[in-house]
Amino acid sequence: MSAPSRLPLLHAALPCALVLLLAACGTTPPARYYQLMPQSFTAPEQALALSIGVGPVLWPEYLDRSQRVVRRGDVGLDLREDERWAEPLEASFNRVLRENLVRLTGNPQVIGFPWPLQERPARQVRMEVLRFDSDATGTATLEARWQIVDAEGRALLPQRRQSRIVEPAQGIGSDAAVAAQTRAVATLSRELASALQGTR
């Protein structure tokens, strides 16, 4: 085939090659998924026999997303598009909090809100999460207001409590940051378990 006759083929192939090249450049790396995990605790000397309910837990809207949120300075937030939660963070937080309380109180009767009226727990933890994220160093911060009430909704603590937990990362990278968030939930769980034990 002569050179002139090959020119139309080259002209036809060039746009296809450019499309393939641009597609390859635009390919994003696969997302990595993370999950909070319950922790191991020393079993209490005396289990709390009263049934425990966790919720409602009010959740900030800025965390109502699948991307991991990283705080930038005092007011900035970055969304890590390639780092995602394997389940909604609110559901993960509630699940881990309940499981931690089972282990800390020695009581398997820890249920999540909502519950049937006829199964109203003897102790209820009401909570509002104000902040739950990490910064660029991986340090996790968890802020929450909470109260414990009885089955009739009467407050069992003199006032509503507020917890602010700062947990440094033990390493670098996203795995260490999520592990720090997991430890922050464990610390909050200990505070709740101690308060619950005091309402016997």
Protein backbone atom coordinates (compact mmCIF):
# COMPACT_ATOMS: atom_id res chain seq x y z
CA MET A 1 0.00 0.00 0.00
CA SER A 2 1.37 3.37 -0.98
CA ALA A 3 1.99 6.14 1.53
CA PRO A 4 -0.84 8.35 0.21
CA SER A 5 -3.34 5.50 0.53
CA ARG A 6 -2.34 4.95 4.18
CA LEU A 7 -3.11 8.56 5.18
CA PRO A 8 -6.91 8.09 5.48
CA LEU A 9 -6.35 5.10 7.79
CA LEU A 10 -3.98 7.12 9.98
CA HIS A 11 -6.44 10.00 10.15
CA ALA A 12 -9.21 7.60 11.18
CA ALA A 13 -7.07 5.88 13.82
CA LEU A 14 -5.78 9.07 15.44
CA PRO A 15 -9.07 10.12 17.11
CA CYS A 16 -9.55 6.57 18.47
CA ALA A 17 -6.06 6.61 19.97
CA LEU A 18 -6.70 9.98 21.57
CA VAL A 19 -9.98 8.74 23.10
CA LEU A 20 -8.24 5.70 24.58
CA LEU A 21 -5.41 7.86 25.94
CA LEU A 22 -7.81 10.30 27.58
CA ALA A 23 -9.83 7.45 29.06
CA ALA A 24 -6.70 5.96 30.57
CA CYS A 25 -5.68 9.32 32.03
CA GLY A 26 -9.15 9.84 33.51
CA THR A 27 -9.31 6.49 35.29
CA THR A 28 -9.52 6.97 39.04
CA PRO A 29 -7.87 4.52 41.42
CA PRO A 30 -10.24 2.12 43.21
CA ALA A 31 -11.63 3.36 46.50
CA ARG A 32 -10.37 1.94 49.78
CA TYR A 33 -13.03 1.09 52.36
CA TYR A 34 -12.87 1.46 56.13
CA GLN A 35 -14.92 0.35 59.12
CA LEU A 36 -15.03 1.12 62.83
CA MET A 37 -14.53 -1.94 65.01
CA PRO A 38 -15.58 -2.91 68.57
CA GLN A 39 -12.74 -3.16 71.08
CA SER A 40 -11.72 -5.71 73.68
CA PHE A 41 -12.27 -4.74 77.32
CA THR A 42 -11.75 -6.34 80.70
CA ALA A 43 -15.05 -7.83 81.84
CA PRO A 44 -16.63 -5.97 84.79
CA GLU A 45 -16.59 -7.59 88.22
CA GLN A 46 -20.37 -7.22 88.37
CA ALA A 47 -22.52 -7.11 85.25
CA LEU A 48 -25.17 -4.44 84.91
CA ALA A 49 -28.42 -6.39 84.86
CA LEU A 50 -30.63 -3.53 83.64
CA SER A 51 -31.53 -3.44 79.96
CA ILE A 52 -29.84 -0.61 78.03
CA GLY A 53 -31.03 1.30 75.01
CA VAL A 54 -28.78 3.46 72.83
CA GLY A 55 -30.48 6.27 70.97
CA PRO A 56 -31.74 8.31 69.48
CA VAL A 57 -28.31 9.47 68.34
CA LEU A 58 -28.45 12.77 66.48
CA TRP A 59 -25.84 12.90 63.72
CA PRO A 60 -24.23 15.99 62.08
CA GLU A 61 -25.09 16.43 58.43
CA TYR A 62 -21.47 16.96 57.39
CA LEU A 63 -20.82 13.30 58.22
CA ASP A 64 -23.83 12.02 56.30
CA ARG A 65 -21.76 10.83 53.34
CA SER A 66 -19.71 7.82 52.31
CA GLN A 67 -16.38 9.68 51.92
CA ARG A 68 -14.00 9.94 54.84
CA VAL A 69 -13.93 13.53 56.14
CA VAL A 70 -10.59 15.11 57.06
CA ARG A 71 -10.51 18.43 58.89
CA ARG A 72 -8.34 21.21 57.44
CA GLY A 73 -7.59 23.93 59.96
CA ASP A 74 -10.39 25.31 62.10
CA VAL A 75 -13.13 25.52 59.49
CA GLY A 76 -12.02 23.55 56.42
CA LEU A 77 -13.08 20.02 55.51
CA ASP A 78 -11.68 17.75 52.81
CA LEU A 79 -13.58 14.78 51.38
CA ARG A 80 -11.38 11.83 50.50
CA GLU A 81 -13.04 10.51 47.37
CA ASP A 82 -10.82 7.42 47.29
CA GLU A 83 -11.40 6.62 50.98
CA ARG A 84 -14.91 5.48 51.84
CA TRP A 85 -16.81 3.96 54.72
CA ALA A 86 -17.92 0.39 54.10
CA GLU A 87 -21.26 1.20 55.75
CA PRO A 88 -22.90 4.51 56.72
CA LEU A 89 -20.72 6.03 59.44
CA GLU A 90 -23.72 6.68 61.66
CA ALA A 91 -24.73 3.01 61.52
CA SER A 92 -21.14 1.92 62.15
CA PHE A 93 -20.80 4.29 65.12
CA ASN A 94 -24.05 3.08 66.70
CA ARG A 95 -23.23 -0.58 66.16
CA VAL A 96 -19.75 -0.30 67.67
CA LEU A 97 -21.02 1.79 70.59
CA ARG A 98 -23.62 -0.88 71.43
CA GLU A 99 -21.16 -3.73 71.16
CA ASN A 100 -18.61 -1.90 73.30
CA LEU A 101 -21.29 -1.35 75.96
CA VAL A 102 -22.18 -5.06 75.92
CA ARG A 103 -18.55 -5.89 76.68
CA LEU A 104 -18.04 -3.10 79.21
CA THR A 105 -21.20 -3.74 81.22
CA GLY A 106 -21.31 -7.51 80.84
CA ASN A 107 -24.92 -7.08 79.71
CA PRO A 108 -26.09 -8.57 76.38
CA GLN A 109 -29.34 -6.56 76.59
CA VAL A 110 -28.10 -3.49 74.74
CA ILE A 111 -30.50 -2.49 71.97
CA GLY A 112 -30.62 0.30 69.42
CA PHE A 113 -33.30 2.93 68.89
CA PRO A 114 -36.12 2.67 67.90
CA TRP A 115 -37.51 -0.15 70.03
CA PRO A 116 -41.07 -1.37 70.61
CA LEU A 117 -42.94 0.41 73.39
CA GLN A 118 -43.35 -2.85 75.28
CA GLU A 119 -39.57 -3.37 75.21
CA ARG A 120 -38.61 0.05 76.53
CA PRO A 121 -35.17 -0.34 78.19
CA ALA A 122 -34.58 0.41 81.87
CA ARG A 123 -31.71 2.73 80.93
CA GLN A 124 -31.57 4.86 77.80
CA VAL A 125 -28.59 6.79 76.42
CA ARG A 126 -29.66 9.82 74.41
CA MET A 127 -26.89 11.44 72.41
CA GLU A 128 -26.02 14.19 69.98
CA VAL A 129 -22.75 13.78 68.11
CA LEU A 130 -21.27 17.21 67.39
CA ARG A 131 -18.02 16.20 65.72
CA PHE A 132 -16.37 12.96 64.65
CA ASP A 133 -13.48 13.28 62.23
CA SER A 134 -9.69 13.33 61.97
CA ASP A 135 -7.14 15.91 60.87
CA ALA A 136 -4.25 15.67 58.42
CA THR A 137 -2.03 14.06 61.08
CA GLY A 138 -4.61 11.34 61.73
CA THR A 139 -5.60 12.68 65.15
CA ALA A 140 -9.27 11.86 65.76
CA THR A 141 -11.68 14.15 67.61
CA LEU A 142 -15.06 13.02 68.94
CA GLU A 143 -17.42 15.48 70.61
CA ALA A 144 -20.83 14.43 71.91
CA ARG A 145 -23.50 15.54 74.36
CA TRP A 146 -25.38 12.78 76.15
CA GLN A 147 -27.84 12.00 78.90
CA ILE A 148 -29.05 8.84 80.62
CA VAL A 149 -32.75 8.48 81.42
CA ASP A 150 -34.90 5.74 82.90
CA ALA A 151 -37.78 3.88 81.23
CA GLU A 152 -40.10 6.80 81.99
CA GLY A 153 -37.74 9.35 80.43
CA ARG A 154 -36.58 10.82 83.77
CA ALA A 155 -32.99 12.08 83.82
CA LEU A 156 -30.71 9.94 86.00
CA LEU A 157 -27.75 12.32 85.89
CA PRO A 158 -27.69 15.77 87.51
CA GLN A 159 -27.05 17.38 84.13
CA ARG A 160 -26.44 16.58 80.52
CA ARG A 161 -22.85 15.48 79.98
CA GLN A 162 -20.48 16.55 77.21
CA SER A 163 -17.50 14.50 76.10
CA ARG A 164 -14.59 15.74 74.04
CA ILE A 165 -12.14 13.01 73.13
CA VAL A 166 -8.91 13.63 71.20
CA GLU A 167 -7.09 10.49 70.12
CA PRO A 168 -3.69 10.81 68.36
CA ALA A 169 -2.90 8.42 65.55
CA GLN A 170 -0.43 5.66 66.32
CA GLY A 171 1.22 5.73 62.93
CA ILE A 172 0.75 7.50 59.63
CA GLY A 173 -1.81 7.11 56.89
CA SER A 174 -5.54 6.55 56.72
CA ASP A 175 -5.48 3.16 58.47
CA ALA A 176 -3.95 4.80 61.55
CA ALA A 177 -6.48 7.65 61.39
CA VAL A 178 -9.47 5.28 61.32
CA ALA A 179 -7.93 3.23 64.14
CA ALA A 180 -7.73 6.47 66.17
CA GLN A 181 -11.43 7.09 65.51
CA THR A 182 -12.18 3.55 66.69
CA ARG A 183 -10.27 4.21 69.92
CA ALA A 184 -12.18 7.47 70.39
CA VAL A 185 -15.47 5.56 70.27
CA ALA A 186 -14.02 3.11 72.82
CA THR A 187 -13.18 5.98 75.19
CA LEU A 188 -16.71 7.38 74.88
CA SER A 189 -18.05 3.87 75.52
CA ARG A 190 -16.05 3.68 78.77
CA GLU A 191 -17.48 7.03 79.91
CA LEU A 192 -21.02 5.83 79.17
CA ALA A 193 -20.48 2.46 80.85
CA SER A 194 -19.15 4.15 84.01
CA ALA A 195 -22.17 6.47 84.13
CA LEU A 196 -24.55 3.58 83.55
CA GLN A 197 -22.97 1.58 86.36
CA GLY A 198 -23.59 4.57 88.63
CA THR A 199 -27.35 4.47 87.94
CA ARG A 200 -27.96 1.02 89.43
